[in-house]
Protein backbone atom coordinates (compact mmCIF):
# COMPACT_ATOMS: atom_id res chain seq x y z
CA MET A 1 -46.89 56.20 90.48
CA LEU A 2 -45.43 52.87 91.21
CA ILE A 3 -47.99 52.43 94.01
CA ASP A 4 -48.07 48.55 93.06
CA TYR A 5 -44.52 48.28 93.86
CA PHE A 6 -44.80 50.12 97.01
CA TYR A 7 -47.52 47.76 98.68
CA SER A 8 -45.62 44.82 97.19
CA LEU A 9 -42.71 45.74 99.48
CA ARG A 10 -44.95 46.29 102.43
CA SER A 11 -46.54 42.96 102.01
CA ALA A 12 -43.04 41.39 101.96
CA GLN A 13 -42.81 42.89 105.59
CA LEU A 14 -40.02 45.44 104.40
CA PRO A 15 -40.32 48.76 106.80
CA VAL A 16 -40.71 51.31 103.89
CA SER A 17 -42.69 54.52 104.92
CA VAL A 18 -44.60 56.73 102.64
CA SER A 19 -41.62 59.47 102.85
CA GLU A 20 -39.14 57.20 101.61
CA PHE A 21 -41.16 56.13 98.78
CA LEU A 22 -41.92 59.62 97.79
CA THR A 23 -38.27 60.16 98.33
CA LEU A 24 -37.70 57.35 95.52
CA LEU A 25 -40.60 59.12 93.33
CA ARG A 26 -38.85 62.47 93.62
CA SER A 27 -35.43 60.98 92.60
CA LEU A 28 -36.88 59.52 89.25
CA GLU A 29 -38.41 62.72 88.34
CA ALA A 30 -35.28 64.54 89.07
CA GLY A 31 -33.77 62.04 86.41
CA VAL A 32 -31.35 60.73 89.10
CA VAL A 33 -31.20 57.43 87.00
CA GLY A 34 -32.54 57.11 83.57
CA PRO A 35 -36.05 57.86 82.08
CA ARG A 36 -38.86 58.01 84.81
CA VAL A 37 -41.63 55.36 84.79
CA SER A 38 -43.97 55.94 81.53
CA SER A 39 -46.22 53.45 81.11
CA THR A 40 -49.24 51.66 82.87
CA THR A 41 -50.54 48.24 81.95
CA THR A 42 -53.82 46.69 82.85
CA VAL A 43 -53.52 43.32 84.54
CA GLU A 44 -56.05 41.07 86.14
CA GLY A 45 -56.82 42.33 89.35
CA GLY A 46 -56.01 45.86 88.76
CA SER A 47 -52.98 47.88 86.98
CA LYS A 48 -49.28 47.39 87.26
CA GLU A 49 -46.61 50.42 86.12
CA GLU A 50 -44.01 49.21 83.86
CA LEU A 51 -40.36 50.74 83.26
CA SER A 52 -39.70 52.27 80.15
CA ASP A 53 -37.66 50.29 77.85
CA GLN A 54 -35.60 53.03 76.12
CA GLY A 55 -32.37 53.12 77.78
CA TYR A 56 -33.71 52.70 81.35
CA SER A 57 -31.42 50.21 83.22
CA LEU A 58 -33.13 48.08 85.76
CA ASP A 59 -30.15 47.70 87.90
CA ASP A 60 -29.95 51.37 88.12
CA PHE A 61 -33.43 51.33 89.42
CA TYR A 62 -32.61 48.47 92.04
CA TYR A 63 -29.61 50.45 93.58
CA LEU A 64 -31.94 53.89 93.83
CA SER A 65 -34.67 52.02 95.20
CA ARG A 66 -32.64 49.80 97.77
CA MET A 67 -30.61 53.02 98.54
CA THR A 68 -33.94 55.31 99.28
CA LEU A 69 -36.01 52.53 100.71
CA ILE A 70 -33.96 50.24 102.78
CA LYS A 71 -32.11 51.65 105.94
CA ASP A 72 -30.66 48.45 107.51
CA GLU A 73 -28.24 45.92 105.57
CA LYS A 74 -30.35 43.27 107.40
CA HIS A 75 -33.32 44.00 105.17
CA TYR A 76 -31.54 43.77 101.65
CA ASP A 77 -32.05 39.69 101.46
CA LYS A 78 -36.10 40.35 101.69
CA PHE A 79 -36.06 43.10 99.45
CA ASP A 80 -34.05 41.56 96.75
CA LYS A 81 -36.84 38.71 97.01
CA ALA A 82 -39.53 41.18 96.72
CA PHE A 83 -38.11 43.33 93.87
CA ALA A 84 -37.51 40.03 91.82
CA ALA A 85 -40.95 38.65 92.56
CA TYR A 86 -42.24 42.36 91.47
CA PHE A 87 -40.18 42.45 88.30
CA LYS A 88 -40.55 38.82 87.44
CA GLY A 89 -36.34 38.29 88.05
CA VAL A 90 -35.34 40.36 84.78
CA GLU A 91 -31.51 40.06 84.83
CA SER A 92 -28.86 41.52 82.81
CA ALA A 93 -26.25 39.22 81.22
CA GLY A 94 -22.69 39.65 82.57
CA GLU A 95 -19.52 40.76 80.62
CA TRP A 96 -18.39 36.99 79.64
CA MET A 97 -21.70 36.35 77.71
CA ARG A 98 -20.21 39.24 75.19
CA GLN A 99 -17.46 36.86 74.49
CA VAL A 100 -19.25 33.31 74.17
CA PRO A 101 -22.54 33.80 71.98
CA ILE A 102 -25.39 32.71 73.97
CA ASP A 103 -26.70 30.41 71.55
CA TRP A 104 -23.53 28.20 72.18
CA LEU A 105 -24.77 27.74 76.00
CA SER A 106 -28.63 26.81 75.17
CA ASN A 107 -29.22 23.10 76.26
CA ALA A 108 -32.07 21.47 74.07
CA LEU A 109 -30.44 18.15 74.91
CA GLU A 110 -30.62 15.90 78.00
CA ARG A 111 -28.39 12.76 77.81
CA GLU A 112 -27.48 9.95 80.38
CA PHE A 113 -23.98 8.75 80.01
CA THR A 114 -23.07 4.94 80.80
CA PRO A 115 -20.60 4.15 83.43
CA GLU A 116 -18.33 2.93 80.34
CA GLN A 117 -18.25 6.40 78.81
CA ILE A 118 -17.73 8.34 82.26
CA ALA A 119 -14.82 5.77 83.03
CA ALA A 120 -12.85 6.22 79.62
CA LEU A 121 -13.08 10.48 80.17
CA LYS A 122 -9.42 11.27 81.17
CA SER A 123 -8.73 14.79 83.07
CA MET A 124 -6.38 17.38 81.46
CA ASP A 125 -3.53 18.97 83.66
CA TRP A 126 -3.90 22.52 84.54
CA ASP A 127 -1.60 24.30 82.21
CA GLU A 128 -3.24 21.70 79.43
CA LEU A 129 -6.68 22.83 80.28
CA MET A 130 -6.09 26.39 80.45
CA ASP A 131 -4.04 26.37 77.19
CA THR A 132 -6.81 24.17 75.39
CA LEU A 133 -9.37 26.53 76.38
CA GLN A 134 -7.52 29.64 74.65
CA LYS A 135 -7.34 27.42 71.40
CA ARG A 136 -10.99 26.46 71.51
CA LEU A 137 -11.87 30.21 71.81
CA GLU A 138 -9.46 31.33 68.69
CA GLU A 139 -11.13 28.51 66.51
CA GLN A 140 -14.65 27.85 67.29
CA LYS A 141 -16.90 29.63 64.93
CA GLU A 142 -20.08 28.04 65.71
CA ARG A 143 -22.35 26.32 68.12
CA HIS A 144 -21.80 22.49 69.02
CA GLU A 145 -23.80 20.19 71.19
CA GLY A 146 -22.97 16.49 72.60
CA GLY A 147 -19.14 16.34 71.80
CA SER A 148 -16.04 15.85 73.45
CA LYS A 149 -13.68 18.54 71.97
CA TRP A 150 -15.76 22.25 71.53
CA ILE A 151 -17.04 24.64 73.78
CA GLY A 152 -20.98 23.57 74.12
CA THR A 153 -23.38 21.48 76.17
CA SER A 154 -24.50 17.91 76.93
CA GLY A 155 -21.05 16.29 75.96
CA THR A 156 -17.88 15.40 77.12
CA SER A 157 -16.06 18.26 76.43
CA PRO A 158 -14.30 20.07 79.35
CA PHE A 159 -15.66 23.57 78.46
CA GLY A 160 -19.43 23.98 78.50
CA HIS A 161 -21.90 22.80 80.88
CA SER A 162 -25.18 20.09 81.24
CA GLY A 163 -22.17 17.23 80.10
CA ILE A 164 -19.63 15.45 81.83
CA ASN A 165 -16.25 15.87 82.61
CA PRO A 166 -13.88 15.07 85.36
CA GLN A 167 -12.24 18.22 85.61
CA GLY A 168 -13.35 20.85 83.34
CA ILE A 169 -14.26 25.00 83.09
CA ARG A 170 -17.80 25.42 83.30
CA ILE A 171 -19.23 28.31 81.05
CA GLY A 172 -22.98 29.21 81.83
CA GLY A 173 -25.75 26.70 82.88
CA LYS A 174 -25.90 25.21 86.26
CA SER A 175 -23.51 23.35 88.53
CA MET A 176 -24.23 19.23 88.03
CA GLN A 177 -20.88 17.37 88.77
CA LYS A 178 -19.53 20.01 91.43
CA SER A 179 -16.28 19.08 89.92
CA ALA A 180 -15.43 22.51 87.83
CA VAL A 181 -11.71 23.71 87.77
CA LYS A 182 -12.91 27.14 87.07
CA VAL A 183 -16.47 28.88 86.25
CA TRP A 184 -16.63 31.20 83.56
CA GLU A 185 -19.24 33.77 84.92
CA GLN A 186 -19.79 36.69 87.32
CA ARG A 187 -21.94 34.76 89.99
CA GLN A 188 -23.75 36.92 92.20
CA TYR A 189 -24.65 35.55 95.74
CA ARG A 190 -26.92 36.37 98.63
CA ASP A 191 -25.97 37.44 101.70
CA TYR A 192 -27.06 35.34 104.58
CA ASP A 193 -30.41 36.42 106.28
CA ASP A 194 -29.28 37.11 109.92
CA SER A 195 -33.10 37.47 110.93
CA VAL A 196 -34.11 33.87 110.31
CA GLU A 197 -36.38 32.40 113.01
CA LEU A 198 -34.92 29.09 114.39
CA GLY A 199 -36.61 26.14 114.18
CA THR A 200 -34.74 24.65 117.30
CA ARG A 201 -32.97 26.65 120.30
CA ASN A 202 -30.50 23.67 120.04
CA ILE A 203 -27.77 25.56 118.03
CA LYS A 204 -28.11 28.59 120.41
CA VAL A 205 -27.76 26.26 123.43
CA ALA A 206 -24.40 24.58 121.57
CA LEU A 207 -23.15 27.83 121.10
CA ARG A 208 -23.50 28.75 124.83
CA ARG A 209 -20.71 26.32 125.84
CA LEU A 210 -18.37 29.06 124.15
CA ARG A 211 -18.68 32.10 126.67
CA LYS A 212 -16.59 34.30 129.07
CA PHE A 213 -18.98 36.37 130.88
CA ALA A 214 -17.53 40.12 131.83
CA ARG A 215 -18.92 42.95 133.25
CA GLU A 216 -18.95 45.95 130.94
CA GLY A 217 -20.24 49.43 130.33
CA ALA A 218 -22.42 51.33 132.36
CA ALA A 219 -23.78 50.27 135.48
CA GLU A 220 -27.29 49.51 134.76
CA GLU A 221 -28.23 46.54 136.21
CA LEU A 222 -29.56 45.88 139.68
CA ASP A 223 -27.08 44.18 142.14
CA ILE A 224 -29.27 42.43 144.11
CA ASP A 225 -26.98 40.94 146.79
CA ASP A 226 -25.13 44.22 147.18
CA THR A 227 -28.34 46.09 147.59
CA ILE A 228 -29.49 43.94 150.27
CA ARG A 229 -26.25 43.80 151.93
CA SER A 230 -26.01 47.66 152.01
CA THR A 231 -29.86 48.39 152.99
CA ALA A 232 -29.20 45.83 156.07
CA VAL A 233 -25.79 47.80 157.11
CA ASN A 234 -27.55 50.85 156.61
CA ALA A 235 -30.28 49.98 159.15
CA GLY A 236 -33.22 49.53 156.59
CA TYR A 237 -32.94 52.48 154.71
CA LEU A 238 -32.96 51.39 151.01
CA ASP A 239 -29.80 51.84 149.56
CA ILE A 240 -29.83 50.50 145.68
CA LYS A 241 -26.61 48.89 144.23
CA MET A 242 -26.19 49.11 140.33
CA ILE A 243 -23.61 47.00 138.73
CA PRO A 244 -22.65 46.90 134.52
CA GLU A 245 -24.45 44.01 132.75
CA ARG A 246 -22.72 40.93 132.22
CA HIS A 247 -21.82 40.31 128.63
CA ASN A 248 -20.44 37.32 126.65
CA ASN A 249 -16.84 38.68 125.73
CA VAL A 250 -15.42 36.04 123.40
CA LYS A 251 -14.48 37.87 120.31
CA LEU A 252 -15.32 35.90 117.50
CA LEU A 253 -14.11 35.97 113.62
CA LEU A 254 -16.76 34.15 111.34
CA LEU A 255 -15.79 33.30 107.46
CA MET A 256 -18.41 31.96 105.49
CA ASP A 257 -18.36 30.25 102.48
CA ILE A 258 -21.31 31.18 100.03
CA GLY A 259 -22.50 30.63 96.40
CA GLY A 260 -22.03 27.28 94.28
CA THR A 261 -22.33 23.87 96.35
CA MET A 262 -23.27 25.88 99.62
CA ASP A 263 -26.36 26.76 97.98
CA GLU A 264 -27.95 23.59 99.35
CA HIS A 265 -27.05 24.20 102.66
CA VAL A 266 -28.36 28.22 102.47
CA ASN A 267 -31.13 27.17 105.37
CA ARG A 268 -29.05 25.64 107.92
CA VAL A 269 -26.10 28.14 107.56
CA GLU A 270 -28.61 31.05 108.09
CA GLU A 271 -30.06 29.51 111.24
CA LEU A 272 -26.24 29.17 112.35
CA PHE A 273 -25.41 32.77 111.19
CA SER A 274 -28.54 34.24 113.19
CA ALA A 275 -27.68 32.33 116.45
CA VAL A 276 -24.11 33.34 116.20
CA LYS A 277 -25.13 36.96 115.91
CA SER A 278 -27.59 36.59 118.64
CA GLU A 279 -25.02 35.20 121.01
CA PHE A 280 -22.16 36.82 120.52
CA LYS A 281 -21.51 40.63 121.08
CA HIS A 282 -18.09 40.78 119.59
CA LEU A 283 -18.97 39.23 116.16
CA GLU A 284 -16.65 40.07 112.74
CA PHE A 285 -17.88 38.06 109.56
CA PHE A 286 -16.84 37.83 106.34
CA TYR A 287 -17.58 35.85 103.14
CA PHE A 288 -15.22 33.73 100.97
CA HIS A 289 -15.93 31.38 97.67
CA ASN A 290 -15.21 27.73 98.49
CA CYS A 291 -11.38 28.36 99.75
CA VAL A 292 -10.28 31.79 101.59
CA TYR A 293 -7.51 33.81 99.32
CA ASP A 294 -6.16 37.67 99.05
CA TYR A 295 -9.71 39.20 100.19
CA LEU A 296 -12.93 38.52 101.78
CA TRP A 297 -15.84 40.56 101.43
CA LYS A 298 -18.98 41.37 103.97
CA ASN A 299 -21.93 42.15 101.30
CA ASN A 300 -21.98 39.67 98.18
CA LYS A 301 -23.75 42.53 95.76
CA ARG A 302 -20.91 44.57 96.04
CA ARG A 303 -18.01 41.93 96.48
CA TYR A 304 -16.26 43.05 93.18
CA ALA A 305 -16.20 46.78 94.70
CA GLU A 306 -15.67 46.51 98.31
CA LYS A 307 -12.92 43.67 99.02
CA PHE A 308 -11.15 43.48 102.53
CA PRO A 309 -7.57 42.13 102.02
CA THR A 310 -7.13 39.27 104.26
CA TRP A 311 -3.60 40.22 104.93
CA ASP A 312 -5.38 43.56 106.50
CA ILE A 313 -8.16 41.39 108.48
CA ILE A 314 -5.32 39.63 110.14
CA ARG A 315 -3.69 42.73 111.14
CA LYS A 316 -6.74 44.42 112.72
CA TYR A 317 -8.39 41.42 114.48
CA ASN A 318 -5.69 40.17 116.98
CA LYS A 319 -5.25 36.70 118.07
CA ASP A 320 -7.52 36.90 121.19
CA HIS A 321 -10.16 36.31 118.61
CA LYS A 322 -11.74 32.94 117.93
CA LEU A 323 -11.43 31.90 114.13
CA ILE A 324 -14.57 30.10 112.54
CA PHE A 325 -14.77 28.69 109.03
CA VAL A 326 -18.16 27.65 107.90
CA GLY A 327 -18.16 25.76 104.30
CA ASP A 328 -18.75 22.67 102.66
CA ALA A 329 -15.02 22.46 101.81
CA THR A 330 -16.40 20.95 98.37
CA MET A 331 -14.07 22.21 95.39
CA SER A 332 -11.47 21.37 92.70
CA PRO A 333 -8.07 20.49 94.65
CA TYR A 334 -6.46 23.09 92.53
CA GLU A 335 -8.34 25.48 94.49
CA ILE A 336 -6.34 24.66 97.47
CA VAL A 337 -2.96 23.98 95.91
CA GLN A 338 -2.86 25.65 92.61
CA PRO A 339 -1.59 29.30 92.08
CA GLY A 340 -4.34 30.68 89.97
CA GLY A 341 -6.61 27.74 90.81
CA SER A 342 -9.67 29.80 91.94
CA VAL A 343 -12.81 29.22 90.23
CA GLU A 344 -13.20 32.97 89.83
CA TYR A 345 -10.10 34.66 89.32
CA ASN A 346 -6.02 34.07 89.02
CA ASN A 347 -4.89 33.95 92.77
CA GLU A 348 -1.28 34.65 92.77
CA GLU A 349 -1.36 32.03 95.93
CA PRO A 350 -2.86 29.14 96.52
CA GLY A 351 -5.57 28.88 99.07
CA ALA A 352 -3.79 26.38 101.23
CA THR A 353 -0.91 29.33 102.17
CA TRP A 354 -3.95 31.42 102.94
CA LEU A 355 -5.43 29.18 105.25
CA GLN A 356 -2.20 28.37 107.01
CA ARG A 357 -1.68 32.11 107.66
CA LEU A 358 -5.21 32.42 109.38
CA THR A 359 -4.79 29.70 111.60
CA ASN A 360 -1.44 30.54 112.47
CA ALA A 361 -2.84 34.15 113.49
CA TYR A 362 -5.26 32.65 115.60
CA PRO A 363 -4.74 29.72 117.65
CA LYS A 364 -8.14 28.92 118.64
CA PHE A 365 -10.12 27.66 115.30
CA ALA A 366 -12.42 25.20 113.95
CA TRP A 367 -14.08 24.35 110.55
CA ILE A 368 -17.83 23.68 110.46
CA ASN A 369 -19.00 21.55 107.52
CA PRO A 370 -22.84 21.03 106.65
CA GLU A 371 -21.92 18.20 104.53
CA PRO A 372 -22.96 14.84 106.15
CA PRO A 373 -20.08 13.27 107.57
CA GLY A 374 -20.70 9.95 105.43
CA VAL A 375 -19.33 11.73 102.15
CA TRP A 376 -16.15 13.46 103.62
CA GLN A 377 -14.10 10.38 102.92
CA TYR A 378 -14.96 10.57 99.11
CA ARG A 379 -14.17 14.06 98.41
CA GLN A 380 -10.46 14.53 97.94
CA SER A 381 -10.94 18.67 98.76
CA ILE A 382 -12.43 17.81 102.22
CA ALA A 383 -9.57 15.51 103.33
CA MET A 384 -7.24 18.32 102.16
CA ILE A 385 -8.82 21.10 104.39
CA GLN A 386 -9.24 18.51 107.32
CA ASN A 387 -5.53 18.38 107.25
CA LEU A 388 -4.65 21.97 106.66
CA MET A 389 -7.18 22.61 109.93
CA GLY A 390 -5.30 19.55 111.83
CA GLN A 391 -8.86 17.70 111.84
CA LYS A 392 -10.39 20.42 113.52
CA MET A 393 -13.31 19.84 111.08
CA TYR A 394 -17.15 19.34 112.90
CA PRO A 395 -20.34 18.76 111.00
CA LEU A 396 -23.30 21.34 111.63
CA ASN A 397 -25.30 19.14 114.05
CA LEU A 398 -25.52 19.36 117.32
CA LYS A 399 -23.03 16.92 118.58
CA GLY A 400 -20.45 18.45 116.25
CA LEU A 401 -21.16 22.55 117.41
CA GLU A 402 -20.67 21.21 120.97
CA GLU A 403 -17.28 19.57 119.88
CA ALA A 404 -16.57 22.62 118.39
CA MET A 405 -17.32 25.03 121.07
CA ARG A 406 -15.74 22.89 123.59
CA GLY A 407 -12.22 22.66 121.35
CA LEU A 408 -12.51 26.63 121.13
CA SER A 409 -12.92 27.17 124.77
CA LYS A 410 -9.86 25.33 125.95
């Protein structure tokens, strides 16, 4: 059973063994999750097994498969891609979909807005926006499209998606204007893949400016100079001398923005992440979305279940660590200065407070921005983050990385 599924994972270059696959089958037969695979469908080129639709959860099968087949977190991203390709990207709706009828969010109309229409739009302040959304949820009874008041699509209302509004709450759909104050959905982000092969060694070369070598651990490296000297003193009898291997002793704390507008920069950030993991032995990394608040996470699939309080991170890692933020700093200004301003939940303290705490805890810090420097001046949030960073923001290019590493090494 599920032979094609097994071979699809192997073809994706995942190290899945036969014994691990048999463990998955035994788990299904034992009823660990839902009913077993129960049918086979003939398709062009062979047959393909399908999951029973009688109460079976594809999410449960996904987690069972990953638990039994994948033994290293670095393969999670490849597994996700292979799983989605085999099962054609079947997804389950989030909890919020039960509160807003799905037909309200279907977009059947594509509109273009004139400059005059865009200029006539006005922004609501924070309290007005939240109060108005609550009223709309209580009052609205049917789907709306192209309007300026109700939750809908392709209009100028601050609630919905696929329209235009200077500051609204996106409900469903995809990010278009990048100006949403809040995003009403439980979004899933992929971890950055640290196994990405770099197209150039320039990133690694730039990172090597931040090095502080020390000899640590067991004596496992030949000390040629001392061996020659000792052999000469010993009248020619070979006297081998060993020393501990040299390692880069810099301690690095890496905080990376994930999801939303950062989706445009995934490839470049993965290259950076891969280079950082190969260059720094003492590396700790965490994810955040848009701005840092009271918790961070290490695994984007489990970010709601496995949170790391930011205070605990500050206490655990001392000021000897160099702190690097990686993010495009593109967000609503509310996310930086407003309590409750996060697009995803009601944070008690603004992001600016947490950024100041982190930069106070780690005197050596820098912010790496993958957005081109030419657009920085046109985005209010980037200017605000620059000020909070003391202008220590650098572009994600060779020159920017060299400047950042030079600043961190001083």
